[in-house]
Amino acid sequence: MPVSPDLAAANFAFPQSLQQGSQPNTIASAATITVTNILTFLTGTVQLATINPPVSGAHMLVLVFTNGAPGQFLTTGNLQVAYQPIQNRPIILFYDPASAKYWVMSVT
């Protein structure tokens, strides 16, 4: 298995441990967000279009929107499909570096 050259790669590994010192964080929703580890809580209602990839290779992110009316995912940035998040339901996204897009895990 190749080693990632990114210093933050361990923050996106699964499973994580307390040795990494990386705890889930909470940020305000915005058109563009920057996450620092695999699990991020988002507040607010702003629609999300772009996630700044925290590492260079393929990776997974989990977003949890805490607002009762979170903004929809837009396809004008690096999100592959439009999606309407639901409050307190984790959303798993997979980053494909070849297309430079995040793919939303299917939710039914």
PDB file of N, CA and C in Angstrom:
ATOM      1  N   MET A   1       0.847  -1.170   0.000  1.00  0.00           N
ATOM      2  CA  MET A   1       0.000   0.000   0.000  1.00  0.00           C
ATOM      3  C   MET A   1       0.894   1.235   0.000  1.00  0.00           C
ATOM      4  N   PRO A   2       0.684   2.161  -0.938  1.00  0.00           N
ATOM      5  CA  PRO A   2       1.530   3.345  -0.994  1.00  0.00           C
ATOM      6  C   PRO A   2       1.298   4.272   0.191  1.00  0.00           C
ATOM      7  N   VAL A   3       2.328   4.976   0.556  1.00  0.00           N
ATOM      8  CA  VAL A   3       2.255   5.930   1.657  1.00  0.00           C
ATOM      9  C   VAL A   3       1.916   7.301   1.091  1.00  0.00           C
ATOM     10  N   SER A   4       0.982   7.999   1.722  1.00  0.00           N
ATOM     11  CA  SER A   4       0.596   9.326   1.263  1.00  0.00           C
ATOM     12  C   SER A   4       1.657  10.351   1.638  1.00  0.00           C
ATOM     13  N   PRO A   5       1.971  11.268   0.720  1.00  0.00           N
ATOM     14  CA  PRO A   5       2.939  12.318   1.037  1.00  0.00           C
ATOM     15  C   PRO A   5       2.321  13.449   1.860  1.00  0.00           C
ATOM     16  N   ASP A   6       1.004  13.392   2.077  1.00  0.00           N
ATOM     17  CA  ASP A   6       0.313  14.454   2.796  1.00  0.00           C
ATOM     18  C   ASP A   6       0.490  14.295   4.300  1.00  0.00           C
ATOM     19  N   LEU A   7       0.890  15.358   4.971  1.00  0.00           N
ATOM     20  CA  LEU A   7       1.092  15.312   6.419  1.00  0.00           C
ATOM     21  C   LEU A   7      -0.204  15.047   7.175  1.00  0.00           C
ATOM     22  N   ALA A   8      -1.351  15.444   6.593  1.00  0.00           N
ATOM     23  CA  ALA A   8      -2.636  15.271   7.263  1.00  0.00           C
ATOM     24  C   ALA A   8      -3.294  13.935   6.930  1.00  0.00           C
ATOM     25  N   ALA A   9      -2.630  13.061   6.200  1.00  0.00           N
ATOM     26  CA  ALA A   9      -3.256  11.813   5.753  1.00  0.00           C
ATOM     27  C   ALA A   9      -3.825  10.988   6.906  1.00  0.00           C
ATOM     28  N   ALA A  10      -3.148  10.939   8.042  1.00  0.00           N
ATOM     29  CA  ALA A  10      -3.637  10.139   9.172  1.00  0.00           C
ATOM     30  C   ALA A  10      -4.956  10.666   9.720  1.00  0.00           C
ATOM     31  N   ASN A  11      -5.239  11.941   9.526  1.00  0.00           N
ATOM     32  CA  ASN A  11      -6.511  12.505   9.990  1.00  0.00           C
ATOM     33  C   ASN A  11      -7.688  11.983   9.181  1.00  0.00           C
ATOM     34  N   PHE A  12      -7.401  11.361   8.032  1.00  0.00           N
ATOM     35  CA  PHE A  12      -8.458  10.861   7.160  1.00  0.00           C
ATOM     36  C   PHE A  12      -8.443   9.342   7.063  1.00  0.00           C
ATOM     37  N   ALA A  13      -7.623   8.705   7.883  1.00  0.00           N
ATOM     38  CA  ALA A  13      -7.549   7.251   7.906  1.00  0.00           C
ATOM     39  C   ALA A  13      -8.755   6.697   8.657  1.00  0.00           C
ATOM     40  N   PHE A  14      -9.038   5.453   8.388  1.00  0.00           N
ATOM     41  CA  PHE A  14     -10.135   4.795   9.082  1.00  0.00           C
ATOM     42  C   PHE A  14      -9.654   3.415   9.479  1.00  0.00           C
ATOM     43  N   PRO A  15      -9.691   3.015  10.714  1.00  0.00           N
ATOM     44  CA  PRO A  15     -10.179   3.791  11.844  1.00  0.00           C
ATOM     45  C   PRO A  15      -9.137   4.766  12.373  1.00  0.00           C
ATOM     46  N   GLN A  16      -9.589   5.686  13.173  1.00  0.00           N
ATOM     47  CA  GLN A  16      -8.697   6.654  13.801  1.00  0.00           C
ATOM     48  C   GLN A  16      -8.503   6.282  15.262  1.00  0.00           C
ATOM     49  N   SER A  17      -7.480   6.861  15.865  1.00  0.00           N
ATOM     50  CA  SER A  17      -7.255   6.645  17.292  1.00  0.00           C
ATOM     51  C   SER A  17      -6.937   7.980  17.944  1.00  0.00           C
ATOM     52  N   LEU A  18      -6.946   8.008  19.260  1.00  0.00           N
ATOM     53  CA  LEU A  18      -6.620   9.227  19.993  1.00  0.00           C
ATOM     54  C   LEU A  18      -5.170   9.642  19.771  1.00  0.00           C
ATOM     55  N   GLN A  19      -4.326   8.725  19.297  1.00  0.00           N
ATOM     56  CA  GLN A  19      -2.923   9.049  19.037  1.00  0.00           C
ATOM     57  C   GLN A  19      -2.772  10.108  17.954  1.00  0.00           C
ATOM     58  N   GLN A  20      -3.760  10.235  17.080  1.00  0.00           N
ATOM     59  CA  GLN A  20      -3.678  11.217  16.005  1.00  0.00           C
ATOM     60  C   GLN A  20      -3.987  12.628  16.490  1.00  0.00           C
ATOM     61  N   GLY A  21      -4.640  12.748  17.612  1.00  0.00           N
ATOM     62  CA  GLY A  21      -4.937  14.071  18.147  1.00  0.00           C
ATOM     63  C   GLY A  21      -5.946  14.856  17.341  1.00  0.00           C
ATOM     64  N   SER A  22      -6.615  14.190  16.442  1.00  0.00           N
ATOM     65  CA  SER A  22      -7.567  14.869  15.572  1.00  0.00           C
ATOM     66  C   SER A  22      -8.989  14.546  16.029  1.00  0.00           C
ATOM     67  N   GLN A  23      -9.714  15.541  16.453  1.00  0.00           N
ATOM     68  CA  GLN A  23     -11.086  15.358  16.909  1.00  0.00           C
ATOM     69  C   GLN A  23     -12.043  15.934  15.876  1.00  0.00           C
ATOM     70  N   PRO A  24     -13.266  15.408  15.783  1.00  0.00           N
ATOM     71  CA  PRO A  24     -14.243  16.020  14.882  1.00  0.00           C
ATOM     72  C   PRO A  24     -14.387  17.501  15.209  1.00  0.00           C
ATOM     73  N   ASN A  25     -14.525  18.307  14.167  1.00  0.00           N
ATOM     74  CA  ASN A  25     -14.669  19.738  14.402  1.00  0.00           C
ATOM     75  C   ASN A  25     -15.998  20.220  13.845  1.00  0.00           C
ATOM     76  N   THR A  26     -16.387  21.417  14.245  1.00  0.00           N
ATOM     77  CA  THR A  26     -17.616  22.039  13.769  1.00  0.00           C
ATOM     78  C   THR A  26     -17.254  23.320  13.042  1.00  0.00           C
ATOM     79  N   ILE A  27     -17.771  23.470  11.824  1.00  0.00           N
ATOM     80  CA  ILE A  27     -17.545  24.684  11.045  1.00  0.00           C
ATOM     81  C   ILE A  27     -18.883  25.185  10.506  1.00  0.00           C
ATOM     82  N   ALA A  28     -18.921  26.449  10.133  1.00  0.00           N
ATOM     83  CA  ALA A  28     -20.129  27.025   9.542  1.00  0.00           C
ATOM     84  C   ALA A  28     -20.247  26.588   8.096  1.00  0.00           C
ATOM     85  N   SER A  29     -21.463  26.295   7.665  1.00  0.00           N
ATOM     86  CA  SER A  29     -21.658  25.942   6.265  1.00  0.00           C
ATOM     87  C   SER A  29     -21.342  27.170   5.414  1.00  0.00           C
ATOM     88  N   ALA A  30     -20.813  26.908   4.227  1.00  0.00           N
ATOM     89  CA  ALA A  30     -20.418  27.967   3.303  1.00  0.00           C
ATOM     90  C   ALA A  30     -20.392  27.379   1.900  1.00  0.00           C
ATOM     91  N   ALA A  31     -20.284  28.225   0.890  1.00  0.00           N
ATOM     92  CA  ALA A  31     -20.198  27.732  -0.484  1.00  0.00           C
ATOM     93  C   ALA A  31     -18.960  26.869  -0.667  1.00  0.00           C
ATOM     94  N   THR A  32     -17.864  27.222   0.026  1.00  0.00           N
ATOM     95  CA  THR A  32     -16.628  26.448  -0.003  1.00  0.00           C
ATOM     96  C   THR A  32     -16.200  26.184   1.429  1.00  0.00           C
ATOM     97  N   ILE A  33     -15.896  24.925   1.728  1.00  0.00           N
ATOM     98  CA  ILE A  33     -15.437  24.580   3.070  1.00  0.00           C
ATOM     99  C   ILE A  33     -14.084  23.881   2.999  1.00  0.00           C
ATOM    100  N   THR A  34     -13.365  23.945   4.119  1.00  0.00           N
ATOM    101  CA  THR A  34     -12.109  23.233   4.285  1.00  0.00           C
ATOM    102  C   THR A  34     -12.229  22.391   5.541  1.00  0.00           C
ATOM    103  N   VAL A  35     -12.083  21.089   5.388  1.00  0.00           N
ATOM    104  CA  VAL A  35     -12.182  20.187   6.535  1.00  0.00           C
ATOM    105  C   VAL A  35     -10.783  19.786   6.974  1.00  0.00           C
ATOM    106  N   THR A  36     -10.656  19.374   8.241  1.00  0.00           N
ATOM    107  CA  THR A  36      -9.341  19.011   8.771  1.00  0.00           C
ATOM    108  C   THR A  36      -9.252  17.562   9.222  1.00  0.00           C
ATOM    109  N   ASN A  37     -10.372  16.843   9.194  1.00  0.00           N
ATOM    110  CA  ASN A  37     -10.339  15.418   9.505  1.00  0.00           C
ATOM    111  C   ASN A  37     -11.537  14.724   8.889  1.00  0.00           C
ATOM    112  N   ILE A  38     -11.644  13.439   9.102  1.00  0.00           N
ATOM    113  CA  ILE A  38     -12.646  12.640   8.404  1.00  0.00           C
ATOM    114  C   ILE A  38     -14.083  13.020   8.772  1.00  0.00           C
ATOM    115  N   LEU A  39     -14.337  13.440  10.013  1.00  0.00           N
ATOM    116  CA  LEU A  39     -15.686  13.765  10.474  1.00  0.00           C
ATOM    117  C   LEU A  39     -15.793  15.249  10.783  1.00  0.00           C
ATOM    118  N   THR A  40     -16.757  15.912  10.141  1.00  0.00           N
ATOM    119  CA  THR A  40     -16.966  17.348  10.331  1.00  0.00           C
ATOM    120  C   THR A  40     -18.448  17.624  10.516  1.00  0.00           C
ATOM    121  N   PHE A  41     -18.786  18.428  11.511  1.00  0.00           N
ATOM    122  CA  PHE A  41     -20.150  18.897  11.725  1.00  0.00           C
ATOM    123  C   PHE A  41     -20.273  20.283  11.105  1.00  0.00           C
ATOM    124  N   LEU A  42     -21.388  20.529  10.393  1.00  0.00           N
ATOM    125  CA  LEU A  42     -21.611  21.826   9.757  1.00  0.00           C
ATOM    126  C   LEU A  42     -22.864  22.465  10.320  1.00  0.00           C
ATOM    127  N   THR A  43     -22.763  23.767  10.638  1.00  0.00           N
ATOM    128  CA  THR A  43     -23.907  24.529  11.123  1.00  0.00           C
ATOM    129  C   THR A  43     -24.373  25.448   9.996  1.00  0.00           C
ATOM    130  N   GLY A  44     -25.575  25.970  10.105  1.00  0.00           N
ATOM    131  CA  GLY A  44     -26.051  26.959   9.146  1.00  0.00           C
ATOM    132  C   GLY A  44     -26.816  26.362   7.977  1.00  0.00           C
ATOM    133  N   THR A  45     -27.187  27.254   7.047  1.00  0.00           N
ATOM    134  CA  THR A  45     -28.065  26.868   5.942  1.00  0.00           C
ATOM    135  C   THR A  45     -27.491  27.190   4.563  1.00  0.00           C
ATOM    136  N   VAL A  46     -26.249  27.615   4.483  1.00  0.00           N
ATOM    137  CA  VAL A  46     -25.644  27.991   3.206  1.00  0.00           C
ATOM    138  C   VAL A  46     -25.430  26.746   2.340  1.00  0.00           C
ATOM    139  N   GLN A  47     -25.731  26.865   1.049  1.00  0.00           N
ATOM    140  CA  GLN A  47     -25.541  25.753   0.122  1.00  0.00           C
ATOM    141  C   GLN A  47     -24.055  25.486  -0.104  1.00  0.00           C
ATOM    142  N   LEU A  48     -23.703  24.216  -0.200  1.00  0.00           N
ATOM    143  CA  LEU A  48     -22.318  23.792  -0.355  1.00  0.00           C
ATOM    144  C   LEU A  48     -22.034  23.442  -1.814  1.00  0.00           C
ATOM    145  N   ALA A  49     -20.978  24.032  -2.381  1.00  0.00           N
ATOM    146  CA  ALA A  49     -20.588  23.739  -3.764  1.00  0.00           C
ATOM    147  C   ALA A  49     -19.211  23.101  -3.856  1.00  0.00           C
ATOM    148  N   THR A  50     -18.295  23.482  -2.955  1.00  0.00           N
ATOM    149  CA  THR A  50     -16.911  23.030  -3.071  1.00  0.00           C
ATOM    150  C   THR A  50     -16.352  22.633  -1.715  1.00  0.00           C
ATOM    151  N   ILE A  51     -15.660  21.507  -1.710  1.00  0.00           N
ATOM    152  CA  ILE A  51     -14.892  21.075  -0.541  1.00  0.00           C
ATOM    153  C   ILE A  51     -13.430  21.084  -0.967  1.00  0.00           C
ATOM    154  N   ASN A  52     -12.606  21.846  -0.264  1.00  0.00           N
ATOM    155  CA  ASN A  52     -11.177  21.838  -0.562  1.00  0.00           C
ATOM    156  C   ASN A  52     -10.604  20.486  -0.148  1.00  0.00           C
ATOM    157  N   PRO A  53     -10.082  19.701  -1.111  1.00  0.00           N
ATOM    158  CA  PRO A  53      -9.552  18.387  -0.735  1.00  0.00           C
ATOM    159  C   PRO A  53      -8.412  18.529   0.276  1.00  0.00           C
ATOM    160  N   PRO A  54      -8.532  17.875   1.429  1.00  0.00           N
ATOM    161  CA  PRO A  54      -7.516  18.018   2.472  1.00  0.00           C
ATOM    162  C   PRO A  54      -6.255  17.200   2.218  1.00  0.00           C
ATOM    163  N   VAL A  55      -6.352  16.179   1.368  1.00  0.00           N
ATOM    164  CA  VAL A  55      -5.204  15.363   0.984  1.00  0.00           C
ATOM    165  C   VAL A  55      -5.276  15.151  -0.527  1.00  0.00           C
ATOM    166  N   SER A  56      -4.158  14.751  -1.127  1.00  0.00           N
ATOM    167  CA  SER A  56      -4.098  14.701  -2.582  1.00  0.00           C
ATOM    168  C   SER A  56      -4.712  13.460  -3.213  1.00  0.00           C
ATOM    169  N   GLY A  57      -4.794  12.368  -2.485  1.00  0.00           N
ATOM    170  CA  GLY A  57      -5.295  11.136  -3.071  1.00  0.00           C
ATOM    171  C   GLY A  57      -6.763  10.894  -2.794  1.00  0.00           C
ATOM    172  N   ALA A  58      -7.216   9.724  -3.195  1.00  0.00           N
ATOM    173  CA  ALA A  58      -8.594   9.319  -2.918  1.00  0.00           C
ATOM    174  C   ALA A  58      -8.794   9.241  -1.407  1.00  0.00           C
ATOM    175  N   HIS A  59      -9.940   9.731  -0.954  1.00  0.00           N
ATOM    176  CA  HIS A  59     -10.234   9.696   0.477  1.00  0.00           C
ATOM    177  C   HIS A  59     -11.734   9.775   0.699  1.00  0.00           C
ATOM    178  N   MET A  60     -12.120   9.609   1.946  1.00  0.00           N
ATOM    179  CA  MET A  60     -13.513   9.646   2.345  1.00  0.00           C
ATOM    180  C   MET A  60     -13.709  10.725   3.397  1.00  0.00           C
ATOM    181  N   LEU A  61     -14.848  11.413   3.327  1.00  0.00           N
ATOM    182  CA  LEU A  61     -15.229  12.401   4.336  1.00  0.00           C
ATOM    183  C   LEU A  61     -16.626  12.060   4.842  1.00  0.00           C
ATOM    184  N   VAL A  62     -16.906  12.449   6.080  1.00  0.00           N
ATOM    185  CA  VAL A  62     -18.241  12.313   6.641  1.00  0.00           C
ATOM    186  C   VAL A  62     -18.664  13.693   7.118  1.00  0.00           C
ATOM    187  N   LEU A  63     -19.780  14.181   6.579  1.00  0.00           N
ATOM    188  CA  LEU A  63     -20.328  15.480   6.983  1.00  0.00           C
ATOM    189  C   LEU A  63     -21.643  15.247   7.703  1.00  0.00           C
ATOM    190  N   VAL A  64     -21.854  16.004   8.796  1.00  0.00           N
ATOM    191  CA  VAL A  64     -23.113  15.956   9.535  1.00  0.00           C
ATOM    192  C   VAL A  64     -23.607  17.394   9.657  1.00  0.00           C
ATOM    193  N   PHE A  65     -24.773  17.666   9.087  1.00  0.00           N
ATOM    194  CA  PHE A  65     -25.363  19.004   9.143  1.00  0.00           C
ATOM    195  C   PHE A  65     -26.262  19.076  10.373  1.00  0.00           C
ATOM    196  N   THR A  66     -26.013  20.074  11.228  1.00  0.00           N
ATOM    197  CA  THR A  66     -26.731  20.157  12.500  1.00  0.00           C
ATOM    198  C   THR A  66     -27.944  21.086  12.453  1.00  0.00           C
ATOM    199  N   ASN A  67     -28.098  21.848  11.377  1.00  0.00           N
ATOM    200  CA  ASN A  67     -29.225  22.768  11.255  1.00  0.00           C
ATOM    201  C   ASN A  67     -30.458  22.021  10.745  1.00  0.00           C
ATOM    202  N   GLY A  68     -31.640  22.458  11.171  1.00  0.00           N
ATOM    203  CA  GLY A  68     -32.882  21.825  10.742  1.00  0.00           C
ATOM    204  C   GLY A  68     -33.205  22.013   9.276  1.00  0.00           C
ATOM    205  N   ALA A  69     -32.592  22.992   8.623  1.00  0.00           N
ATOM    206  CA  ALA A  69     -32.822  23.254   7.198  1.00  0.00           C
ATOM    207  C   ALA A  69     -31.489  23.490   6.489  1.00  0.00           C
ATOM    208  N   PRO A  70     -30.647  22.448   6.395  1.00  0.00           N
ATOM    209  CA  PRO A  70     -29.332  22.643   5.771  1.00  0.00           C
ATOM    210  C   PRO A  70     -29.453  22.944   4.286  1.00  0.00           C
ATOM    211  N   GLY A  71     -28.468  23.678   3.765  1.00  0.00           N
ATOM    212  CA  GLY A  71     -28.453  24.009   2.344  1.00  0.00           C
ATOM    213  C   GLY A  71     -28.128  22.797   1.497  1.00  0.00           C
ATOM    214  N   GLN A  72     -28.619  22.818   0.278  1.00  0.00           N
ATOM    215  CA  GLN A  72     -28.419  21.718  -0.665  1.00  0.00           C
ATOM    216  C   GLN A  72     -27.000  21.711  -1.223  1.00  0.00           C
ATOM    217  N   PHE A  73     -26.532  20.537  -1.674  1.00  0.00           N
ATOM    218  CA  PHE A  73     -25.266  20.430  -2.386  1.00  0.00           C
ATOM    219  C   PHE A  73     -25.487  20.947  -3.809  1.00  0.00           C
ATOM    220  N   LEU A  74     -24.590  21.771  -4.275  1.00  0.00           N
ATOM    221  CA  LEU A  74     -24.643  22.296  -5.636  1.00  0.00           C
ATOM    222  C   LEU A  74     -23.592  21.599  -6.494  1.00  0.00           C
ATOM    223  N   THR A  75     -23.808  21.541  -7.791  1.00  0.00           N
ATOM    224  CA  THR A  75     -22.851  20.903  -8.695  1.00  0.00           C
ATOM    225  C   THR A  75     -21.966  21.923  -9.409  1.00  0.00           C
ATOM    226  N   THR A  76     -21.967  23.154  -8.950  1.00  0.00           N
ATOM    227  CA  THR A  76     -21.156  24.203  -9.582  1.00  0.00           C
ATOM    228  C   THR A  76     -19.698  24.161  -9.142  1.00  0.00           C
ATOM    229  N   GLY A  77     -19.394  23.333  -8.153  1.00  0.00           N
ATOM    230  CA  GLY A  77     -18.022  23.193  -7.662  1.00  0.00           C
ATOM    231  C   GLY A  77     -17.510  21.788  -7.925  1.00  0.00           C
ATOM    232  N   ASN A  78     -17.032  21.131  -6.857  1.00  0.00           N
ATOM    233  CA  ASN A  78     -16.469  19.800  -7.045  1.00  0.00           C
ATOM    234  C   ASN A  78     -17.336  18.681  -6.447  1.00  0.00           C
ATOM    235  N   LEU A  79     -18.646  18.931  -6.336  1.00  0.00           N
ATOM    236  CA  LEU A  79     -19.575  17.888  -5.900  1.00  0.00           C
ATOM    237  C   LEU A  79     -20.237  17.309  -7.145  1.00  0.00           C
ATOM    238  N   GLN A  80     -20.203  16.003  -7.288  1.00  0.00           N
ATOM    239  CA  GLN A  80     -20.673  15.350  -8.504  1.00  0.00           C
ATOM    240  C   GLN A  80     -22.184  15.452  -8.690  1.00  0.00           C
ATOM    241  N   VAL A  81     -22.946  15.343  -7.598  1.00  0.00           N
ATOM    242  CA  VAL A  81     -24.402  15.358  -7.717  1.00  0.00           C
ATOM    243  C   VAL A  81     -25.012  16.318  -6.702  1.00  0.00           C
ATOM    244  N   ALA A  82     -26.174  16.845  -7.052  1.00  0.00           N
ATOM    245  CA  ALA A  82     -26.931  17.671  -6.114  1.00  0.00           C
ATOM    246  C   ALA A  82     -27.551  16.733  -5.072  1.00  0.00           C
ATOM    247  N   TYR A  83     -27.597  17.192  -3.837  1.00  0.00           N
ATOM    248  CA  TYR A  83     -28.147  16.370  -2.763  1.00  0.00           C
ATOM    249  C   TYR A  83     -28.678  17.287  -1.676  1.00  0.00           C
ATOM    250  N   GLN A  84     -29.787  16.920  -1.074  1.00  0.00           N
ATOM    251  CA  GLN A  84     -30.349  17.685   0.033  1.00  0.00           C
ATOM    252  C   GLN A  84     -30.025  16.980   1.345  1.00  0.00           C
ATOM    253  N   PRO A  85     -29.075  17.527   2.134  1.00  0.00           N
ATOM    254  CA  PRO A  85     -28.751  16.908   3.419  1.00  0.00           C
ATOM    255  C   PRO A  85     -29.942  16.948   4.371  1.00  0.00           C
ATOM    256  N   ILE A  86     -29.941  16.029   5.303  1.00  0.00           N
ATOM    257  CA  ILE A  86     -30.960  15.958   6.340  1.00  0.00           C
ATOM    258  C   ILE A  86     -30.260  16.173   7.676  1.00  0.00           C
ATOM    259  N   GLN A  87     -30.885  16.942   8.545  1.00  0.00           N
ATOM    260  CA  GLN A  87     -30.291  17.252   9.844  1.00  0.00           C
ATOM    261  C   GLN A  87     -29.872  15.988  10.585  1.00  0.00           C
ATOM    262  N   ASN A  88     -28.650  16.019  11.112  1.00  0.00           N
ATOM    263  CA  ASN A  88     -28.078  14.970  11.956  1.00  0.00           C
ATOM    264  C   ASN A  88     -27.970  13.598  11.283  1.00  0.00           C
ATOM    265  N   ARG A  89     -28.025  13.540   9.957  1.00  0.00           N
ATOM    266  CA  ARG A  89     -27.802  12.281   9.235  1.00  0.00           C
ATOM    267  C   ARG A  89     -26.438  12.361   8.559  1.00  0.00           C
ATOM    268  N   PRO A  90     -25.502  11.514   8.948  1.00  0.00           N
ATOM    269  CA  PRO A  90     -24.164  11.557   8.346  1.00  0.00           C
ATOM    270  C   PRO A  90     -24.210  11.314   6.842  1.00  0.00           C
ATOM    271  N   ILE A  91     -23.437  12.090   6.119  1.00  0.00           N
ATOM    272  CA  ILE A  91     -23.313  11.960   4.673  1.00  0.00           C
ATOM    273  C   ILE A  91     -21.872  11.566   4.378  1.00  0.00           C
ATOM    274  N   ILE A  92     -21.706  10.462   3.679  1.00  0.00           N
ATOM    275  CA  ILE A  92     -20.370   9.987   3.326  1.00  0.00           C
ATOM    276  C   ILE A  92     -20.068  10.409   1.895  1.00  0.00           C
ATOM    277  N   LEU A  93     -18.903  11.029   1.721  1.00  0.00           N
ATOM    278  CA  LEU A  93     -18.463  11.453   0.399  1.00  0.00           C
ATOM    279  C   LEU A  93     -17.125  10.802   0.090  1.00  0.00           C
ATOM    280  N   PHE A  94     -16.949  10.406  -1.169  1.00  0.00           N
ATOM    281  CA  PHE A  94     -15.703   9.813  -1.625  1.00  0.00           C
ATOM    282  C   PHE A  94     -15.088  10.731  -2.672  1.00  0.00           C
ATOM    283  N   TYR A  95     -13.797  11.027  -2.522  1.00  0.00           N
ATOM    284  CA  TYR A  95     -13.104  11.908  -3.461  1.00  0.00           C
ATOM    285  C   TYR A  95     -12.361  11.080  -4.496  1.00  0.00           C
ATOM    286  N   ASP A  96     -12.593  11.409  -5.766  1.00  0.00           N
ATOM    287  CA  ASP A  96     -11.909  10.782  -6.884  1.00  0.00           C
ATOM    288  C   ASP A  96     -10.926  11.792  -7.462  1.00  0.00           C
ATOM    289  N   PRO A  97      -9.620  11.617  -7.240  1.00  0.00           N
ATOM    290  CA  PRO A  97      -8.660  12.594  -7.734  1.00  0.00           C
ATOM    291  C   PRO A  97      -8.594  12.662  -9.257  1.00  0.00           C
ATOM    292  N   ALA A  98      -8.986  11.597  -9.956  1.00  0.00           N
ATOM    293  CA  ALA A  98      -8.957  11.618 -11.423  1.00  0.00           C
ATOM    294  C   ALA A  98      -9.973  12.611 -11.985  1.00  0.00           C
ATOM    295  N   SER A  99     -11.160  12.662 -11.389  1.00  0.00           N
ATOM    296  CA  SER A  99     -12.192  13.603 -11.853  1.00  0.00           C
ATOM    297  C   SER A  99     -12.206  14.879 -11.019  1.00  0.00           C
ATOM    298  N   ALA A 100     -11.475  14.875  -9.903  1.00  0.00           N
ATOM    299  CA  ALA A 100     -11.450  15.994  -8.954  1.00  0.00           C
ATOM    300  C   ALA A 100     -12.855  16.302  -8.440  1.00  0.00           C
ATOM    301  N   LYS A 101     -13.620  15.252  -8.178  1.00  0.00           N
ATOM    302  CA  LYS A 101     -15.002  15.404  -7.705  1.00  0.00           C
ATOM    303  C   LYS A 101     -15.237  14.552  -6.460  1.00  0.00           C
ATOM    304  N   TYR A 102     -16.150  15.038  -5.605  1.00  0.00           N
ATOM    305  CA  TYR A 102     -16.651  14.247  -4.476  1.00  0.00           C
ATOM    306  C   TYR A 102     -17.945  13.572  -4.899  1.00  0.00           C
ATOM    307  N   TRP A 103     -18.035  12.297  -4.626  1.00  0.00           N
ATOM    308  CA  TRP A 103     -19.218  11.498  -4.935  1.00  0.00           C
ATOM    309  C   TRP A 103     -19.950  11.208  -3.642  1.00  0.00           C
ATOM    310  N   VAL A 104     -21.255  11.476  -3.610  1.00  0.00           N
ATOM    311  CA  VAL A 104     -22.080  11.264  -2.423  1.00  0.00           C
ATOM    312  C   VAL A 104     -22.506   9.804  -2.384  1.00  0.00           C
ATOM    313  N   MET A 105     -22.338   9.175  -1.225  1.00  0.00           N
ATOM    314  CA  MET A 105     -22.811   7.805  -1.069  1.00  0.00           C
ATOM    315  C   MET A 105     -24.329   7.793  -1.208  1.00  0.00           C
ATOM    316  N   SER A 106     -24.844   6.817  -1.902  1.00  0.00           N
ATOM    317  CA  SER A 106     -26.283   6.717  -2.130  1.00  0.00           C
ATOM    318  C   SER A 106     -27.024   6.586  -0.808  1.00  0.00           C
ATOM    319  N   VAL A 107     -28.057   7.409  -0.646  1.00  0.00           N
ATOM    320  CA  VAL A 107     -28.884   7.382   0.557  1.00  0.00           C
ATOM    321  C   VAL A 107     -30.336   7.212   0.113  1.00  0.00           C
ATOM    322  N   THR A 108     -31.022   6.258   0.717  1.00  0.00           N
ATOM    323  CA  THR A 108     -32.437   6.057   0.351  1.00  0.00           C
ATOM    324  C   THR A 108     -33.324   6.283   1.529  1.00  0.00           C
TER     325      THR A 108
END
